[in-house]
Amino acid sequence: MNTFIIFFTFLFPLLHTSTTAQPCPITRCAQNQVPIRFPFYQQATKHPQNCGYPGFNLSCKTQSTTYLSLPYSGDFYIRDINYLDQLITLYDPNNCLPNRLLTFNISGTPFVIPFHENYTFLTCPSEVIKSRFDIIECMSNSTHSVLATSSMRLVSSLVSSYSCRVVVAALPVPVSWPVKEDEEFTAELGGDIQLTWYVPQCGDCEAQGGNCGFKSNDSDEIDCFRRLPESSKYLYFEL
């Protein structure tokens, strides 16, 4: 009997020699959204739960925006996922991130804050402060402006010279990089939040062009799978 192996196409991004490991598809909430793959998985839709690691479930908002739900901080939209460096970039859907930072809490998640800076939030009379310092517009009004600074020297000056009042002192705020010691300025804090994760550790696998995944459907052990182009597939045909 002659056996012919014919290569055909199926959308499997991963391949491993183990017959028990099932490749999981890459999904997106929309064409221009971030790709969702291990350790993340799309909750209650296209991915079975064994396609992702516990705590990494993502959801789609009206099929056009990808979001992460933090148990103690609510929903954040996802700007980017860097699978190589294991970084996820989040932003506030209501465009008022500083207000969310006042109660930001990642307890009960697999994520950690790679860098943080202690900021003090103050409220000041708008007529004496608005033209002199950067204020947090979404938390301010015509009579009172909200400011944030990492400089305790500036906090003392604002309180003594501008009749400001401290709202929250020394609040740990996620930052992309540490601020220089006692740099005297106020910050709008309207950017994104970056979080990282250490488990599962898939950076080496990603650097080799692979994808992480569970070694088998009934195992918690992580393995590195060879990543194939989405157009590569296999069909075995025997004569």
C-alpha atoms as a PDB file:
ATOM      1  CA  MET A   1       0.000   0.000   0.000  1.00  0.00           C
ATOM      2  CA  ASN A   2       1.301   3.406  -0.913  1.00  0.00           C
ATOM      3  CA  THR A   3       0.705   6.252   1.492  1.00  0.00           C
ATOM      4  CA  PHE A   4       0.471   9.806   0.265  1.00  0.00           C
ATOM      5  CA  ILE A   5       0.588  12.738   2.623  1.00  0.00           C
ATOM      6  CA  ILE A   6      -1.104  15.753   1.143  1.00  0.00           C
ATOM      7  CA  PHE A   7      -0.617  19.110   2.771  1.00  0.00           C
ATOM      8  CA  PHE A   8      -3.717  21.269   2.844  1.00  0.00           C
ATOM      9  CA  THR A   9      -4.866  24.248   4.931  1.00  0.00           C
ATOM     10  CA  PHE A  10      -6.545  24.689   8.290  1.00  0.00           C
ATOM     11  CA  LEU A  11      -6.180  27.746  10.542  1.00  0.00           C
ATOM     12  CA  PHE A  12      -3.999  26.177  13.260  1.00  0.00           C
ATOM     13  CA  PRO A  13      -1.322  28.610  14.536  1.00  0.00           C
ATOM     14  CA  LEU A  14       0.458  25.981  16.665  1.00  0.00           C
ATOM     15  CA  LEU A  15       1.920  22.523  16.075  1.00  0.00           C
ATOM     16  CA  HIS A  16       3.414  20.104  18.583  1.00  0.00           C
ATOM     17  CA  THR A  17       4.515  16.494  18.299  1.00  0.00           C
ATOM     18  CA  SER A  18       2.189  15.435  21.132  1.00  0.00           C
ATOM     19  CA  THR A  19      -1.068  13.988  19.838  1.00  0.00           C
ATOM     20  CA  THR A  20      -2.847  15.059  23.027  1.00  0.00           C
ATOM     21  CA  ALA A  21      -2.075  18.764  22.649  1.00  0.00           C
ATOM     22  CA  GLN A  22      -4.792  20.600  20.754  1.00  0.00           C
ATOM     23  CA  PRO A  23      -3.812  23.783  18.911  1.00  0.00           C
ATOM     24  CA  CYS A  24      -5.974  26.786  19.727  1.00  0.00           C
ATOM     25  CA  PRO A  25      -6.941  29.436  17.184  1.00  0.00           C
ATOM     26  CA  ILE A  26      -5.930  33.069  17.425  1.00  0.00           C
ATOM     27  CA  THR A  27      -9.049  35.206  17.798  1.00  0.00           C
ATOM     28  CA  ARG A  28      -9.847  38.922  17.754  1.00  0.00           C
ATOM     29  CA  CYS A  29     -12.849  40.937  18.843  1.00  0.00           C
ATOM     30  CA  ALA A  30     -12.585  42.796  15.523  1.00  0.00           C
ATOM     31  CA  GLN A  31     -10.154  42.928  12.622  1.00  0.00           C
ATOM     32  CA  ASN A  32      -8.224  45.884  14.051  1.00  0.00           C
ATOM     33  CA  GLN A  33      -8.176  44.569  17.629  1.00  0.00           C
ATOM     34  CA  VAL A  34      -5.350  42.817  19.475  1.00  0.00           C
ATOM     35  CA  PRO A  35      -4.811  39.110  18.753  1.00  0.00           C
ATOM     36  CA  ILE A  36      -5.962  36.882  21.612  1.00  0.00           C
ATOM     37  CA  ARG A  37      -3.862  33.784  22.252  1.00  0.00           C
ATOM     38  CA  PHE A  38      -2.312  31.895  25.150  1.00  0.00           C
ATOM     39  CA  PRO A  39      -2.081  32.742  28.015  1.00  0.00           C
ATOM     40  CA  PHE A  40      -5.125  34.906  27.167  1.00  0.00           C
ATOM     41  CA  TYR A  41      -8.379  33.457  25.917  1.00  0.00           C
ATOM     42  CA  GLN A  42     -11.672  34.880  24.767  1.00  0.00           C
ATOM     43  CA  GLN A  43     -14.205  34.191  27.472  1.00  0.00           C
ATOM     44  CA  ALA A  44     -17.441  32.310  26.737  1.00  0.00           C
ATOM     45  CA  THR A  45     -17.082  32.539  22.962  1.00  0.00           C
ATOM     46  CA  LYS A  46     -14.505  31.194  20.549  1.00  0.00           C
ATOM     47  CA  HIS A  47     -11.958  29.716  22.954  1.00  0.00           C
ATOM     48  CA  PRO A  48     -12.426  26.691  25.183  1.00  0.00           C
ATOM     49  CA  GLN A  49     -11.055  27.361  28.672  1.00  0.00           C
ATOM     50  CA  ASN A  50      -8.039  25.079  28.177  1.00  0.00           C
ATOM     51  CA  CYS A  51      -6.822  27.514  25.497  1.00  0.00           C
ATOM     52  CA  GLY A  52      -5.858  30.016  28.193  1.00  0.00           C
ATOM     53  CA  TYR A  53      -4.295  30.281  31.627  1.00  0.00           C
ATOM     54  CA  PRO A  54      -6.503  30.981  34.684  1.00  0.00           C
ATOM     55  CA  GLY A  55      -7.049  34.718  35.205  1.00  0.00           C
ATOM     56  CA  PHE A  56      -6.271  35.689  31.611  1.00  0.00           C
ATOM     57  CA  ASN A  57      -9.814  35.722  30.254  1.00  0.00           C
ATOM     58  CA  LEU A  58     -10.713  38.626  27.958  1.00  0.00           C
ATOM     59  CA  SER A  59     -14.058  39.762  26.601  1.00  0.00           C
ATOM     60  CA  CYS A  60     -15.420  41.758  23.681  1.00  0.00           C
ATOM     61  CA  LYS A  61     -17.499  44.904  24.080  1.00  0.00           C
ATOM     62  CA  THR A  62     -20.072  45.004  21.252  1.00  0.00           C
ATOM     63  CA  GLN A  63     -17.651  42.934  19.165  1.00  0.00           C
ATOM     64  CA  SER A  64     -15.413  45.944  18.518  1.00  0.00           C
ATOM     65  CA  THR A  65     -13.337  46.504  21.678  1.00  0.00           C
ATOM     66  CA  THR A  66     -11.316  44.066  23.743  1.00  0.00           C
ATOM     67  CA  TYR A  67     -11.391  44.508  27.492  1.00  0.00           C
ATOM     68  CA  LEU A  68      -9.972  43.032  30.681  1.00  0.00           C
ATOM     69  CA  SER A  69     -12.173  42.910  33.759  1.00  0.00           C
ATOM     70  CA  LEU A  70     -10.279  43.360  37.049  1.00  0.00           C
ATOM     71  CA  PRO A  71     -12.266  42.009  40.024  1.00  0.00           C
ATOM     72  CA  TYR A  72     -11.656  45.063  42.263  1.00  0.00           C
ATOM     73  CA  SER A  73     -11.188  47.786  39.633  1.00  0.00           C
ATOM     74  CA  GLY A  74     -13.689  47.102  36.877  1.00  0.00           C
ATOM     75  CA  ASP A  75     -13.262  47.016  33.105  1.00  0.00           C
ATOM     76  CA  PHE A  76     -10.314  48.427  31.180  1.00  0.00           C
ATOM     77  CA  TYR A  77      -9.972  48.479  27.401  1.00  0.00           C
ATOM     78  CA  ILE A  78      -6.858  46.889  25.921  1.00  0.00           C
ATOM     79  CA  ARG A  79      -4.511  48.990  23.803  1.00  0.00           C
ATOM     80  CA  ASP A  80      -1.888  46.328  23.189  1.00  0.00           C
ATOM     81  CA  ILE A  81      -0.559  42.960  24.316  1.00  0.00           C
ATOM     82  CA  ASN A  82       3.179  42.360  23.999  1.00  0.00           C
ATOM     83  CA  TYR A  83       3.520  38.588  24.240  1.00  0.00           C
ATOM     84  CA  LEU A  84       7.324  38.659  24.018  1.00  0.00           C
ATOM     85  CA  ASP A  85       7.873  41.095  26.916  1.00  0.00           C
ATOM     86  CA  GLN A  86       4.707  39.930  28.710  1.00  0.00           C
ATOM     87  CA  LEU A  87       3.129  43.373  28.953  1.00  0.00           C
ATOM     88  CA  ILE A  88      -0.518  44.356  28.597  1.00  0.00           C
ATOM     89  CA  THR A  89      -1.430  48.017  28.008  1.00  0.00           C
ATOM     90  CA  LEU A  90      -4.789  49.232  29.331  1.00  0.00           C
ATOM     91  CA  TYR A  91      -6.782  52.457  29.096  1.00  0.00           C
ATOM     92  CA  ASP A  92      -9.941  53.824  30.667  1.00  0.00           C
ATOM     93  CA  PRO A  93     -13.043  53.594  28.429  1.00  0.00           C
ATOM     94  CA  ASN A  94     -14.339  56.833  30.012  1.00  0.00           C
ATOM     95  CA  ASN A  95     -11.092  58.727  29.344  1.00  0.00           C
ATOM     96  CA  CYS A  96     -10.550  59.634  32.992  1.00  0.00           C
ATOM     97  CA  LEU A  97      -7.775  57.308  34.070  1.00  0.00           C
ATOM     98  CA  PRO A  98      -6.658  59.419  37.089  1.00  0.00           C
ATOM     99  CA  ASN A  99     -10.064  58.963  38.702  1.00  0.00           C
ATOM    100  CA  ARG A 100      -9.745  55.184  38.254  1.00  0.00           C
ATOM    101  CA  LEU A 101      -6.260  55.246  39.779  1.00  0.00           C
ATOM    102  CA  LEU A 102      -7.645  56.431  43.117  1.00  0.00           C
ATOM    103  CA  THR A 103      -9.101  52.948  43.691  1.00  0.00           C
ATOM    104  CA  PHE A 104      -6.914  50.871  41.363  1.00  0.00           C
ATOM    105  CA  ASN A 105      -6.410  47.365  42.769  1.00  0.00           C
ATOM    106  CA  ILE A 106      -5.060  44.292  40.963  1.00  0.00           C
ATOM    107  CA  SER A 107      -5.520  41.865  43.857  1.00  0.00           C
ATOM    108  CA  GLY A 108      -6.852  38.501  42.750  1.00  0.00           C
ATOM    109  CA  THR A 109      -5.258  38.742  39.282  1.00  0.00           C
ATOM    110  CA  PRO A 110      -2.060  37.267  37.795  1.00  0.00           C
ATOM    111  CA  PHE A 111      -0.809  40.769  36.938  1.00  0.00           C
ATOM    112  CA  VAL A 112       1.759  42.970  38.653  1.00  0.00           C
ATOM    113  CA  ILE A 113       2.757  46.628  38.244  1.00  0.00           C
ATOM    114  CA  PRO A 114       6.317  46.728  36.818  1.00  0.00           C
ATOM    115  CA  PHE A 115       6.969  50.371  37.831  1.00  0.00           C
ATOM    116  CA  HIS A 116       5.099  52.712  40.120  1.00  0.00           C
ATOM    117  CA  GLU A 117       5.541  56.208  41.487  1.00  0.00           C
ATOM    118  CA  ASN A 118       3.926  57.717  44.581  1.00  0.00           C
ATOM    119  CA  TYR A 119       1.668  60.619  43.599  1.00  0.00           C
ATOM    120  CA  THR A 120      -0.206  62.999  45.862  1.00  0.00           C
ATOM    121  CA  PHE A 121      -3.555  64.298  44.601  1.00  0.00           C
ATOM    122  CA  LEU A 122      -4.638  67.799  45.606  1.00  0.00           C
ATOM    123  CA  THR A 123      -7.628  70.032  44.993  1.00  0.00           C
ATOM    124  CA  CYS A 124      -6.924  73.744  44.520  1.00  0.00           C
ATOM    125  CA  PRO A 125      -8.867  76.926  43.701  1.00  0.00           C
ATOM    126  CA  SER A 126      -9.108  77.061  39.907  1.00  0.00           C
ATOM    127  CA  GLU A 127      -8.566  80.833  39.564  1.00  0.00           C
ATOM    128  CA  VAL A 128      -5.081  80.720  41.115  1.00  0.00           C
ATOM    129  CA  ILE A 129      -3.849  77.367  39.858  1.00  0.00           C
ATOM    130  CA  LYS A 130      -5.101  76.628  36.343  1.00  0.00           C
ATOM    131  CA  SER A 131      -2.660  78.807  34.392  1.00  0.00           C
ATOM    132  CA  ARG A 132       0.354  77.742  36.464  1.00  0.00           C
ATOM    133  CA  PHE A 133       0.187  73.955  36.565  1.00  0.00           C
ATOM    134  CA  ASP A 134      -1.060  70.992  34.538  1.00  0.00           C
ATOM    135  CA  ILE A 135      -4.379  69.938  35.991  1.00  0.00           C
ATOM    136  CA  ILE A 136      -6.487  66.789  35.653  1.00  0.00           C
ATOM    137  CA  GLU A 137      -9.278  68.161  33.471  1.00  0.00           C
ATOM    138  CA  CYS A 138     -11.733  65.280  33.869  1.00  0.00           C
ATOM    139  CA  MET A 139     -11.691  65.673  37.673  1.00  0.00           C
ATOM    140  CA  SER A 140     -11.785  69.470  37.741  1.00  0.00           C
ATOM    141  CA  ASN A 141     -14.490  72.130  37.424  1.00  0.00           C
ATOM    142  CA  SER A 142     -14.784  75.912  37.228  1.00  0.00           C
ATOM    143  CA  THR A 143     -14.103  76.436  40.942  1.00  0.00           C
ATOM    144  CA  HIS A 144     -11.725  73.643  41.929  1.00  0.00           C
ATOM    145  CA  SER A 145      -8.916  71.973  40.004  1.00  0.00           C
ATOM    146  CA  VAL A 146      -7.339  68.605  40.788  1.00  0.00           C
ATOM    147  CA  LEU A 147      -3.578  68.148  40.498  1.00  0.00           C
ATOM    148  CA  ALA A 148      -1.201  65.238  40.987  1.00  0.00           C
ATOM    149  CA  THR A 149       2.510  65.398  41.741  1.00  0.00           C
ATOM    150  CA  SER A 150       5.247  63.073  42.930  1.00  0.00           C
ATOM    151  CA  SER A 151       7.161  65.939  44.546  1.00  0.00           C
ATOM    152  CA  MET A 152       6.552  66.361  48.275  1.00  0.00           C
ATOM    153  CA  ARG A 153       8.322  69.728  48.099  1.00  0.00           C
ATOM    154  CA  LEU A 154       5.760  70.909  45.546  1.00  0.00           C
ATOM    155  CA  VAL A 155       2.933  69.529  47.706  1.00  0.00           C
ATOM    156  CA  SER A 156       4.118  71.694  50.607  1.00  0.00           C
ATOM    157  CA  SER A 157       4.310  74.739  48.335  1.00  0.00           C
ATOM    158  CA  LEU A 158       0.831  74.167  46.893  1.00  0.00           C
ATOM    159  CA  VAL A 159      -0.705  73.791  50.335  1.00  0.00           C
ATOM    160  CA  SER A 160       1.018  76.808  51.861  1.00  0.00           C
ATOM    161  CA  SER A 161       0.967  79.225  48.894  1.00  0.00           C
ATOM    162  CA  TYR A 162      -2.126  78.296  46.884  1.00  0.00           C
ATOM    163  CA  SER A 163      -4.596  77.108  49.533  1.00  0.00           C
ATOM    164  CA  CYS A 164      -4.637  73.581  48.100  1.00  0.00           C
ATOM    165  CA  ARG A 165      -5.910  70.591  50.036  1.00  0.00           C
ATOM    166  CA  VAL A 166      -4.474  67.079  49.893  1.00  0.00           C
ATOM    167  CA  VAL A 167      -7.054  64.532  48.693  1.00  0.00           C
ATOM    168  CA  VAL A 168      -4.856  61.413  48.632  1.00  0.00           C
ATOM    169  CA  ALA A 169      -1.220  61.297  49.754  1.00  0.00           C
ATOM    170  CA  ALA A 170       1.520  59.076  48.301  1.00  0.00           C
ATOM    171  CA  LEU A 171      -0.747  56.924  46.131  1.00  0.00           C
ATOM    172  CA  PRO A 172       1.207  54.244  44.175  1.00  0.00           C
ATOM    173  CA  VAL A 173       0.488  54.947  40.488  1.00  0.00           C
ATOM    174  CA  PRO A 174       1.590  52.657  37.606  1.00  0.00           C
ATOM    175  CA  VAL A 175       4.095  54.449  35.354  1.00  0.00           C
ATOM    176  CA  SER A 176       6.061  53.492  32.252  1.00  0.00           C
ATOM    177  CA  TRP A 177       9.307  54.538  33.929  1.00  0.00           C
ATOM    178  CA  PRO A 178      10.240  56.049  37.303  1.00  0.00           C
ATOM    179  CA  VAL A 179      10.204  59.840  37.710  1.00  0.00           C
ATOM    180  CA  LYS A 180      13.454  61.548  38.668  1.00  0.00           C
ATOM    181  CA  GLU A 181      13.700  62.087  42.397  1.00  0.00           C
ATOM    182  CA  ASP A 182      11.565  65.025  43.612  1.00  0.00           C
ATOM    183  CA  GLU A 183      10.987  66.440  40.123  1.00  0.00           C
ATOM    184  CA  GLU A 184       8.770  69.481  40.729  1.00  0.00           C
ATOM    185  CA  PHE A 185       5.895  69.281  38.272  1.00  0.00           C
ATOM    186  CA  THR A 186       2.289  68.186  38.174  1.00  0.00           C
ATOM    187  CA  ALA A 187       1.086  65.388  35.897  1.00  0.00           C
ATOM    188  CA  GLU A 188      -2.174  64.829  34.037  1.00  0.00           C
ATOM    189  CA  LEU A 189      -1.774  61.031  34.396  1.00  0.00           C
ATOM    190  CA  GLY A 190      -3.991  60.566  31.356  1.00  0.00           C
ATOM    191  CA  GLY A 191      -1.916  57.931  29.598  1.00  0.00           C
ATOM    192  CA  ASP A 192      -2.172  54.155  29.655  1.00  0.00           C
ATOM    193  CA  ILE A 193      -1.482  51.568  32.347  1.00  0.00           C
ATOM    194  CA  GLN A 194       1.064  48.841  31.723  1.00  0.00           C
ATOM    195  CA  LEU A 195       0.895  45.598  33.663  1.00  0.00           C
ATOM    196  CA  THR A 196       3.081  42.521  33.378  1.00  0.00           C
ATOM    197  CA  TRP A 197       2.806  38.889  34.384  1.00  0.00           C
ATOM    198  CA  TYR A 198       5.438  36.385  35.513  1.00  0.00           C
ATOM    199  CA  VAL A 199       3.370  33.191  35.373  1.00  0.00           C
ATOM    200  CA  PRO A 200       3.187  31.543  32.946  1.00  0.00           C
ATOM    201  CA  GLN A 201       6.678  32.455  31.776  1.00  0.00           C
ATOM    202  CA  CYS A 202       6.572  32.302  27.988  1.00  0.00           C
ATOM    203  CA  GLY A 203       9.127  34.930  26.956  1.00  0.00           C
ATOM    204  CA  ASP A 204      11.793  32.411  25.898  1.00  0.00           C
ATOM    205  CA  CYS A 205       9.256  30.471  23.838  1.00  0.00           C
ATOM    206  CA  GLU A 206       8.051  33.669  22.136  1.00  0.00           C
ATOM    207  CA  ALA A 207      11.652  34.719  21.408  1.00  0.00           C
ATOM    208  CA  GLN A 208      12.155  31.438  19.552  1.00  0.00           C
ATOM    209  CA  GLY A 209       9.075  32.079  17.420  1.00  0.00           C
ATOM    210  CA  GLY A 210       6.842  29.697  19.344  1.00  0.00           C
ATOM    211  CA  ASN A 211       3.605  29.865  21.284  1.00  0.00           C
ATOM    212  CA  CYS A 212       3.032  28.635  24.807  1.00  0.00           C
ATOM    213  CA  GLY A 213       0.208  26.273  25.621  1.00  0.00           C
ATOM    214  CA  PHE A 214      -0.790  23.467  27.925  1.00  0.00           C
ATOM    215  CA  LYS A 215       1.197  20.316  27.227  1.00  0.00           C
ATOM    216  CA  SER A 216      -2.024  18.335  27.010  1.00  0.00           C
ATOM    217  CA  ASN A 217      -5.717  18.958  27.469  1.00  0.00           C
ATOM    218  CA  ASP A 218      -5.714  17.484  30.979  1.00  0.00           C
ATOM    219  CA  SER A 219      -2.380  18.923  32.186  1.00  0.00           C
ATOM    220  CA  ASP A 220      -1.358  22.139  33.935  1.00  0.00           C
ATOM    221  CA  GLU A 221       2.175  21.826  32.553  1.00  0.00           C
ATOM    222  CA  ILE A 222       3.196  24.480  30.004  1.00  0.00           C
ATOM    223  CA  ASP A 223       5.029  23.593  26.807  1.00  0.00           C
ATOM    224  CA  CYS A 224       6.377  25.528  23.824  1.00  0.00           C
ATOM    225  CA  PHE A 225       4.672  24.853  20.493  1.00  0.00           C
ATOM    226  CA  ARG A 226       6.056  25.607  17.082  1.00  0.00           C
ATOM    227  CA  ARG A 227       4.200  28.532  15.563  1.00  0.00           C
ATOM    228  CA  LEU A 228       3.067  28.133  11.980  1.00  0.00           C
ATOM    229  CA  PRO A 229       1.803  30.759   9.554  1.00  0.00           C
ATOM    230  CA  GLU A 230      -1.964  30.923   9.721  1.00  0.00           C
ATOM    231  CA  SER A 231      -2.147  29.577   6.169  1.00  0.00           C
ATOM    232  CA  SER A 232      -0.174  26.414   6.989  1.00  0.00           C
ATOM    233  CA  LYS A 233      -2.159  23.225   7.550  1.00  0.00           C
ATOM    234  CA  TYR A 234      -2.056  19.507   7.344  1.00  0.00           C
ATOM    235  CA  LEU A 235      -4.393  16.903   5.920  1.00  0.00           C
ATOM    236  CA  TYR A 236      -3.348  13.230   5.903  1.00  0.00           C
ATOM    237  CA  PHE A 237      -4.751  11.177   3.067  1.00  0.00           C
ATOM    238  CA  GLU A 238      -4.043   7.434   2.815  1.00  0.00           C
ATOM    239  CA  LEU A 239      -4.503   5.248  -0.263  1.00  0.00           C
END
